All heavy atoms as atom14 arrays in JSON, in Angstrom:
{
  "sequence": "EQVIDKNTDLKYRLDDLKGLSVNKTFIETKADMLGVSL",
  "atom14_mask": [
    [1, 1, 1, 1, 1, 1, 1, 1, 1, 0, 0, 0, 0, 0],
    [1, 1, 1, 1, 1, 1, 1, 1, 1, 0, 0, 0, 0, 0],
    [1, 1, 1, 1, 1, 1, 1, 0, 0, 0, 0, 0, 0, 0],
    [1, 1, 1, 1, 1, 1, 1, 1, 0, 0, 0, 0, 0, 0],
    [1, 1, 1, 1, 1, 1, 1, 1, 0, 0, 0, 0, 0, 0],
    [1, 1, 1, 1, 1, 1, 1, 1, 1, 0, 0, 0, 0, 0],
    [1, 1, 1, 1, 1, 1, 1, 1, 0, 0, 0, 0, 0, 0],
    [1, 1, 1, 1, 1, 1, 1, 0, 0, 0, 0, 0, 0, 0],
    [1, 1, 1, 1, 1, 1, 1, 1, 0, 0, 0, 0, 0, 0],
    [1, 1, 1, 1, 1, 1, 1, 1, 0, 0, 0, 0, 0, 0],
    [1, 1, 1, 1, 1, 1, 1, 1, 1, 0, 0, 0, 0, 0],
    [1, 1, 1, 1, 1, 1, 1, 1, 1, 1, 1, 1, 0, 0],
    [1, 1, 1, 1, 1, 1, 1, 1, 1, 1, 1, 0, 0, 0],
    [1, 1, 1, 1, 1, 1, 1, 1, 0, 0, 0, 0, 0, 0],
    [1, 1, 1, 1, 1, 1, 1, 1, 0, 0, 0, 0, 0, 0],
    [1, 1, 1, 1, 1, 1, 1, 1, 0, 0, 0, 0, 0, 0],
    [1, 1, 1, 1, 1, 1, 1, 1, 0, 0, 0, 0, 0, 0],
    [1, 1, 1, 1, 1, 1, 1, 1, 1, 0, 0, 0, 0, 0],
    [1, 1, 1, 1, 0, 0, 0, 0, 0, 0, 0, 0, 0, 0],
    [1, 1, 1, 1, 1, 1, 1, 1, 0, 0, 0, 0, 0, 0],
    [1, 1, 1, 1, 1, 1, 0, 0, 0, 0, 0, 0, 0, 0],
    [1, 1, 1, 1, 1, 1, 1, 0, 0, 0, 0, 0, 0, 0],
    [1, 1, 1, 1, 1, 1, 1, 1, 0, 0, 0, 0, 0, 0],
    [1, 1, 1, 1, 1, 1, 1, 1, 1, 0, 0, 0, 0, 0],
    [1, 1, 1, 1, 1, 1, 1, 0, 0, 0, 0, 0, 0, 0],
    [1, 1, 1, 1, 1, 1, 1, 1, 1, 1, 1, 0, 0, 0],
    [1, 1, 1, 1, 1, 1, 1, 1, 0, 0, 0, 0, 0, 0],
    [1, 1, 1, 1, 1, 1, 1, 1, 1, 0, 0, 0, 0, 0],
    [1, 1, 1, 1, 1, 1, 1, 0, 0, 0, 0, 0, 0, 0],
    [1, 1, 1, 1, 1, 1, 1, 1, 1, 0, 0, 0, 0, 0],
    [1, 1, 1, 1, 1, 0, 0, 0, 0, 0, 0, 0, 0, 0],
    [1, 1, 1, 1, 1, 1, 1, 1, 0, 0, 0, 0, 0, 0],
    [1, 1, 1, 1, 1, 1, 1, 1, 0, 0, 0, 0, 0, 0],
    [1, 1, 1, 1, 1, 1, 1, 1, 0, 0, 0, 0, 0, 0],
    [1, 1, 1, 1, 0, 0, 0, 0, 0, 0, 0, 0, 0, 0],
    [1, 1, 1, 1, 1, 1, 1, 0, 0, 0, 0, 0, 0, 0],
    [1, 1, 1, 1, 1, 1, 0, 0, 0, 0, 0, 0, 0, 0],
    [1, 1, 1, 1, 1, 1, 1, 1, 0, 0, 0, 0, 0, 0]
  ],
  "atom14_positions": [
    [[105.92, 66.91, 103.24], [105.44, 67.3, 101.92], [105.47, 68.82, 101.8], [105.22, 69.54, 102.77], [104.01, 66.8, 101.68], [102.98, 67.34, 102.66], [101.6, 66.76, 102.44], [101.44, 65.99, 101.47], [100.68, 67.08, 103.23], [0.0, 0.0, 0.0], [0.0, 0.0, 0.0], [0.0, 0.0, 0.0], [0.0, 0.0, 0.0], [0.0, 0.0, 0.0]],
    [[105.83, 69.3, 100.62], [105.87, 70.73, 100.38], [104.45, 71.26, 100.25], [103.56, 70.59, 99.71], [106.67, 71.05, 99.12], [106.92, 72.55, 98.92], [107.88, 72.83, 97.77], [108.38, 71.92, 97.12], [108.14, 74.1, 97.52], [0.0, 0.0, 0.0], [0.0, 0.0, 0.0], [0.0, 0.0, 0.0], [0.0, 0.0, 0.0], [0.0, 0.0, 0.0]],
    [[104.23, 72.47, 100.74], [102.91, 73.11, 100.68], [103.03, 74.38, 99.86], [103.8, 75.28, 100.21], [102.39, 73.45, 102.1], [101.01, 74.08, 102.01], [102.36, 72.21, 102.97], [0.0, 0.0, 0.0], [0.0, 0.0, 0.0], [0.0, 0.0, 0.0], [0.0, 0.0, 0.0], [0.0, 0.0, 0.0], [0.0, 0.0, 0.0], [0.0, 0.0, 0.0]],
    [[102.3, 74.45, 98.77], [102.3, 75.66, 97.93], [100.87, 76.19, 97.9], [100.1, 75.95, 96.97], [102.82, 75.38, 96.51], [104.2, 74.71, 96.59], [102.92, 76.69, 95.72], [104.77, 74.32, 95.24], [0.0, 0.0, 0.0], [0.0, 0.0, 0.0], [0.0, 0.0, 0.0], [0.0, 0.0, 0.0], [0.0, 0.0, 0.0], [0.0, 0.0, 0.0]],
    [[100.5, 76.85, 98.96], [99.15, 77.39, 99.13], [99.26, 78.91, 99.18], [99.74, 79.48, 100.18], [98.55, 76.84, 100.42], [97.07, 77.16, 100.57], [96.5, 77.73, 99.62], [96.5, 76.84, 101.63], [0.0, 0.0, 0.0], [0.0, 0.0, 0.0], [0.0, 0.0, 0.0], [0.0, 0.0, 0.0], [0.0, 0.0, 0.0], [0.0, 0.0, 0.0]],
    [[98.83, 79.57, 98.11], [99.05, 81.02, 97.98], [97.85, 81.82, 98.49], [96.72, 81.34, 98.51], [99.37, 81.38, 96.54], [100.68, 80.75, 96.05], [101.08, 81.27, 94.68], [102.42, 80.69, 94.25], [102.87, 81.19, 92.93], [0.0, 0.0, 0.0], [0.0, 0.0, 0.0], [0.0, 0.0, 0.0], [0.0, 0.0, 0.0], [0.0, 0.0, 0.0]],
    [[98.13, 83.04, 98.85], [97.13, 83.95, 99.43], [96.35, 84.66, 98.32], [96.17, 85.88, 98.35], [97.85, 84.96, 100.33], [96.91, 85.82, 101.13], [95.85, 85.37, 101.57], [97.27, 87.08, 101.32], [0.0, 0.0, 0.0], [0.0, 0.0, 0.0], [0.0, 0.0, 0.0], [0.0, 0.0, 0.0], [0.0, 0.0, 0.0], [0.0, 0.0, 0.0]],
    [[95.86, 83.9, 97.35], [95.26, 84.5, 96.15], [93.97, 85.27, 96.43], [93.64, 86.22, 95.72], [94.98, 83.41, 95.1], [94.27, 82.33, 95.72], [96.28, 82.87, 94.52], [0.0, 0.0, 0.0], [0.0, 0.0, 0.0], [0.0, 0.0, 0.0], [0.0, 0.0, 0.0], [0.0, 0.0, 0.0], [0.0, 0.0, 0.0], [0.0, 0.0, 0.0]],
    [[93.22, 84.84, 97.46], [91.96, 85.54, 97.76], [92.16, 86.66, 98.79], [91.18, 87.26, 99.26], [90.91, 84.55, 98.27], [91.38, 83.79, 99.51], [92.53, 84.03, 99.95], [90.62, 82.96, 100.01], [0.0, 0.0, 0.0], [0.0, 0.0, 0.0], [0.0, 0.0, 0.0], [0.0, 0.0, 0.0], [0.0, 0.0, 0.0], [0.0, 0.0, 0.0]],
    [[93.43, 86.94, 99.14], [93.79, 88.02, 100.08], [93.08, 87.87, 101.43], [92.74, 88.86, 102.08], [93.49, 89.39, 99.47], [94.36, 89.8, 98.28], [93.91, 91.15, 97.74], [95.83, 89.85, 98.67], [0.0, 0.0, 0.0], [0.0, 0.0, 0.0], [0.0, 0.0, 0.0], [0.0, 0.0, 0.0], [0.0, 0.0, 0.0], [0.0, 0.0, 0.0]],
    [[92.89, 86.62, 101.84], [92.28, 86.37, 103.14], [93.2, 86.87, 104.26], [92.73, 87.34, 105.3], [92.02, 84.87, 103.3], [91.41, 84.5, 104.64], [91.18, 82.99, 104.74], [90.6, 82.6, 106.09], [90.38, 81.15, 106.2], [0.0, 0.0, 0.0], [0.0, 0.0, 0.0], [0.0, 0.0, 0.0], [0.0, 0.0, 0.0], [0.0, 0.0, 0.0]],
    [[94.51, 86.79, 104.03], [95.48, 87.2, 105.05], [96.12, 88.52, 104.63], [96.47, 88.72, 103.46], [96.52, 86.1, 105.25], [95.87, 84.8, 105.67], [95.66, 83.76, 104.76], [95.43, 84.62, 106.98], [95.04, 82.58, 105.15], [94.81, 83.44, 107.37], [94.61, 82.43, 106.45], [93.98, 81.27, 106.84], [0.0, 0.0, 0.0], [0.0, 0.0, 0.0]],
    [[96.27, 89.41, 105.61], [96.7, 90.77, 105.36], [98.1, 91.04, 105.93], [98.79, 90.13, 106.37], [95.68, 91.75, 105.97], [94.27, 91.57, 105.41], [94.2, 92.02, 103.96], [92.85, 91.9, 103.4], [92.5, 92.38, 102.21], [93.42, 92.99, 101.47], [91.28, 92.23, 101.75], [0.0, 0.0, 0.0], [0.0, 0.0, 0.0], [0.0, 0.0, 0.0]],
    [[98.5, 92.32, 105.94], [99.84, 92.7, 106.39], [100.11, 92.26, 107.83], [101.24, 91.92, 108.18], [100.03, 94.21, 106.28], [100.52, 94.75, 104.93], [100.57, 96.26, 104.95], [101.87, 94.17, 104.58], [0.0, 0.0, 0.0], [0.0, 0.0, 0.0], [0.0, 0.0, 0.0], [0.0, 0.0, 0.0], [0.0, 0.0, 0.0], [0.0, 0.0, 0.0]],
    [[99.07, 92.27, 108.67], [99.26, 91.86, 110.06], [99.68, 90.4, 110.18], [100.23, 89.98, 111.19], [97.98, 92.09, 110.86], [97.67, 93.56, 111.08], [98.59, 94.38, 110.88], [96.53, 93.9, 111.44], [0.0, 0.0, 0.0], [0.0, 0.0, 0.0], [0.0, 0.0, 0.0], [0.0, 0.0, 0.0], [0.0, 0.0, 0.0], [0.0, 0.0, 0.0]],
    [[99.38, 89.62, 109.15], [99.71, 88.19, 109.16], [101.05, 87.89, 108.5], [101.5, 86.74, 108.52], [98.62, 87.4, 108.44], [97.23, 87.68, 108.99], [97.05, 87.53, 110.2], [96.35, 88.09, 108.21], [0.0, 0.0, 0.0], [0.0, 0.0, 0.0], [0.0, 0.0, 0.0], [0.0, 0.0, 0.0], [0.0, 0.0, 0.0], [0.0, 0.0, 0.0]],
    [[101.67, 88.91, 107.93], [102.92, 88.72, 107.2], [104.1, 88.56, 108.17], [104.26, 89.34, 109.1], [103.17, 89.91, 106.27], [104.46, 89.9, 105.45], [104.5, 88.69, 104.53], [104.59, 91.19, 104.65], [0.0, 0.0, 0.0], [0.0, 0.0, 0.0], [0.0, 0.0, 0.0], [0.0, 0.0, 0.0], [0.0, 0.0, 0.0], [0.0, 0.0, 0.0]],
    [[104.93, 87.55, 107.93], [106.07, 87.29, 108.8], [107.35, 87.09, 107.97], [107.3, 86.71, 106.81], [105.84, 86.02, 109.63], [104.65, 86.09, 110.58], [104.87, 87.08, 111.7], [103.68, 87.1, 112.65], [103.87, 88.08, 113.74], [0.0, 0.0, 0.0], [0.0, 0.0, 0.0], [0.0, 0.0, 0.0], [0.0, 0.0, 0.0], [0.0, 0.0, 0.0]],
    [[108.46, 87.36, 108.63], [109.76, 86.99, 108.1], [110.31, 85.86, 108.97], [109.66, 85.39, 109.9], [0.0, 0.0, 0.0], [0.0, 0.0, 0.0], [0.0, 0.0, 0.0], [0.0, 0.0, 0.0], [0.0, 0.0, 0.0], [0.0, 0.0, 0.0], [0.0, 0.0, 0.0], [0.0, 0.0, 0.0], [0.0, 0.0, 0.0], [0.0, 0.0, 0.0]],
    [[111.53, 85.43, 108.67], [112.17, 84.37, 109.43], [113.53, 84.85, 109.93], [114.18, 85.67, 109.27], [112.38, 83.11, 108.57], [111.16, 82.51, 107.87], [111.58, 81.31, 107.04], [110.12, 82.11, 108.87], [0.0, 0.0, 0.0], [0.0, 0.0, 0.0], [0.0, 0.0, 0.0], [0.0, 0.0, 0.0], [0.0, 0.0, 0.0], [0.0, 0.0, 0.0]],
    [[113.96, 84.34, 111.07], [115.27, 84.7, 111.6], [116.16, 83.48, 111.7], [115.68, 82.34, 111.7], [115.13, 85.36, 112.99], [115.0, 84.37, 113.98], [0.0, 0.0, 0.0], [0.0, 0.0, 0.0], [0.0, 0.0, 0.0], [0.0, 0.0, 0.0], [0.0, 0.0, 0.0], [0.0, 0.0, 0.0], [0.0, 0.0, 0.0], [0.0, 0.0, 0.0]],
    [[117.47, 83.71, 111.82], [118.41, 82.6, 111.99], [118.26, 81.94, 113.35], [118.81, 80.88, 113.6], [119.88, 83.07, 111.8], [120.13, 83.5, 110.38], [120.22, 84.18, 112.79], [0.0, 0.0, 0.0], [0.0, 0.0, 0.0], [0.0, 0.0, 0.0], [0.0, 0.0, 0.0], [0.0, 0.0, 0.0], [0.0, 0.0, 0.0], [0.0, 0.0, 0.0]],
    [[117.48, 82.58, 114.24], [117.22, 82.0, 115.56], [116.04, 81.04, 115.54], [115.51, 80.67, 116.59], [116.97, 83.12, 116.59], [118.2, 83.97, 116.8], [119.31, 83.45, 116.9], [118.02, 85.27, 116.86], [0.0, 0.0, 0.0], [0.0, 0.0, 0.0], [0.0, 0.0, 0.0], [0.0, 0.0, 0.0], [0.0, 0.0, 0.0], [0.0, 0.0, 0.0]],
    [[115.61, 80.68, 114.32], [114.55, 79.67, 114.14], [113.19, 80.16, 114.65], [112.42, 79.41, 115.25], [114.91, 78.36, 114.82], [116.27, 77.78, 114.45], [116.31, 77.25, 113.04], [117.58, 76.47, 112.73], [118.81, 77.25, 112.74], [0.0, 0.0, 0.0], [0.0, 0.0, 0.0], [0.0, 0.0, 0.0], [0.0, 0.0, 0.0], [0.0, 0.0, 0.0]],
    [[112.88, 81.44, 114.41], [111.59, 81.99, 114.82], [110.98, 82.82, 113.7], [111.7, 83.32, 112.82], [111.73, 82.89, 116.06], [112.66, 83.96, 115.76], [112.23, 82.12, 117.26], [0.0, 0.0, 0.0], [0.0, 0.0, 0.0], [0.0, 0.0, 0.0], [0.0, 0.0, 0.0], [0.0, 0.0, 0.0], [0.0, 0.0, 0.0], [0.0, 0.0, 0.0]],
    [[109.66, 82.96, 113.73], [108.98, 83.91, 112.87], [109.12, 85.29, 113.49], [109.01, 85.45, 114.71], [107.49, 83.56, 112.73], [107.23, 82.35, 111.88], [107.01, 81.11, 112.45], [107.19, 82.46, 110.49], [106.78, 79.99, 111.68], [106.96, 81.34, 109.7], [106.75, 80.11, 110.29], [0.0, 0.0, 0.0], [0.0, 0.0, 0.0], [0.0, 0.0, 0.0]],
    [[109.37, 86.3, 112.67], [109.54, 87.67, 113.15], [108.72, 88.61, 112.28], [108.27, 88.25, 111.19], [111.03, 88.09, 113.11], [111.58, 87.97, 111.67], [111.86, 87.3, 114.09], [112.98, 88.51, 111.51], [0.0, 0.0, 0.0], [0.0, 0.0, 0.0], [0.0, 0.0, 0.0], [0.0, 0.0, 0.0], [0.0, 0.0, 0.0], [0.0, 0.0, 0.0]],
    [[108.53, 89.83, 112.78], [107.86, 90.84, 111.98], [108.74, 91.18, 110.78], [109.95, 91.35, 110.92], [107.59, 92.1, 112.8], [106.7, 91.87, 114.03], [105.36, 91.25, 113.66], [104.76, 91.66, 112.65], [104.92, 90.33, 114.39], [0.0, 0.0, 0.0], [0.0, 0.0, 0.0], [0.0, 0.0, 0.0], [0.0, 0.0, 0.0], [0.0, 0.0, 0.0]],
    [[108.12, 91.28, 109.61], [108.91, 91.52, 108.4], [109.55, 92.9, 108.4], [108.99, 93.86, 108.93], [108.03, 91.37, 107.15], [108.84, 91.54, 105.98], [106.9, 92.38, 107.12], [0.0, 0.0, 0.0], [0.0, 0.0, 0.0], [0.0, 0.0, 0.0], [0.0, 0.0, 0.0], [0.0, 0.0, 0.0], [0.0, 0.0, 0.0], [0.0, 0.0, 0.0]],
    [[110.74, 92.99, 107.82], [111.44, 94.26, 107.69], [111.33, 94.82, 106.27], [111.88, 95.87, 105.97], [112.92, 94.08, 108.06], [113.15, 93.62, 109.49], [114.62, 93.37, 109.77], [114.83, 92.87, 111.2], [116.26, 92.58, 111.47], [0.0, 0.0, 0.0], [0.0, 0.0, 0.0], [0.0, 0.0, 0.0], [0.0, 0.0, 0.0], [0.0, 0.0, 0.0]],
    [[110.62, 94.11, 105.41], [110.51, 94.52, 104.01], [109.58, 95.72, 103.86], [108.62, 95.89, 104.62], [110.0, 93.35, 103.17], [0.0, 0.0, 0.0], [0.0, 0.0, 0.0], [0.0, 0.0, 0.0], [0.0, 0.0, 0.0], [0.0, 0.0, 0.0], [0.0, 0.0, 0.0], [0.0, 0.0, 0.0], [0.0, 0.0, 0.0], [0.0, 0.0, 0.0]],
    [[109.86, 96.55, 102.88], [108.98, 97.67, 102.53], [107.84, 97.12, 101.69], [108.03, 96.72, 100.55], [109.78, 98.72, 101.75], [108.94, 99.96, 101.41], [107.75, 99.99, 101.81], [109.47, 100.86, 100.74], [0.0, 0.0, 0.0], [0.0, 0.0, 0.0], [0.0, 0.0, 0.0], [0.0, 0.0, 0.0], [0.0, 0.0, 0.0], [0.0, 0.0, 0.0]],
    [[106.64, 97.09, 102.25], [105.5, 96.46, 101.58], [104.6, 97.46, 100.87], [103.5, 97.09, 100.42], [104.69, 95.67, 102.62], [105.46, 94.57, 103.31], [106.14, 93.39, 102.12], [104.65, 92.73, 101.39], [0.0, 0.0, 0.0], [0.0, 0.0, 0.0], [0.0, 0.0, 0.0], [0.0, 0.0, 0.0], [0.0, 0.0, 0.0], [0.0, 0.0, 0.0]],
    [[105.03, 98.71, 100.75], [104.21, 99.72, 100.09], [103.96, 99.34, 98.63], [104.89, 99.19, 97.84], [104.9, 101.09, 100.16], [104.11, 102.28, 99.61], [102.82, 102.49, 100.42], [104.97, 103.54, 99.62], [0.0, 0.0, 0.0], [0.0, 0.0, 0.0], [0.0, 0.0, 0.0], [0.0, 0.0, 0.0], [0.0, 0.0, 0.0], [0.0, 0.0, 0.0]],
    [[102.69, 99.15, 98.28], [102.33, 98.84, 96.9], [102.57, 97.4, 96.49], [102.41, 97.06, 95.31], [0.0, 0.0, 0.0], [0.0, 0.0, 0.0], [0.0, 0.0, 0.0], [0.0, 0.0, 0.0], [0.0, 0.0, 0.0], [0.0, 0.0, 0.0], [0.0, 0.0, 0.0], [0.0, 0.0, 0.0], [0.0, 0.0, 0.0], [0.0, 0.0, 0.0]],
    [[102.97, 96.53, 97.43], [103.28, 95.13, 97.11], [102.02, 94.28, 97.26], [101.32, 94.35, 98.28], [104.39, 94.58, 98.03], [104.65, 93.1, 97.72], [105.67, 95.4, 97.85], [0.0, 0.0, 0.0], [0.0, 0.0, 0.0], [0.0, 0.0, 0.0], [0.0, 0.0, 0.0], [0.0, 0.0, 0.0], [0.0, 0.0, 0.0], [0.0, 0.0, 0.0]],
    [[101.72, 93.48, 96.26], [100.57, 92.58, 96.32], [100.88, 91.38, 97.2], [101.95, 90.78, 97.11], [100.2, 92.09, 94.91], [99.2, 91.08, 94.98], [0.0, 0.0, 0.0], [0.0, 0.0, 0.0], [0.0, 0.0, 0.0], [0.0, 0.0, 0.0], [0.0, 0.0, 0.0], [0.0, 0.0, 0.0], [0.0, 0.0, 0.0], [0.0, 0.0, 0.0]],
    [[99.93, 91.01, 98.04], [100.1, 89.87, 98.94], [99.55, 88.57, 98.33], [99.61, 87.52, 98.97], [99.4, 90.14, 100.27], [99.95, 91.29, 101.12], [99.12, 91.46, 102.38], [101.41, 91.08, 101.46], [0.0, 0.0, 0.0], [0.0, 0.0, 0.0], [0.0, 0.0, 0.0], [0.0, 0.0, 0.0], [0.0, 0.0, 0.0], [0.0, 0.0, 0.0]]
  ]
}
């Protein structure tokens, strides 16, 4: 089942943000998050 559970209450912060790799793992994000709402 698909899960659409958003971080609306900002419980999770930048330290919890992940990206994905083609090697099937979670990785540290490479995106510029300056000023971006989580």
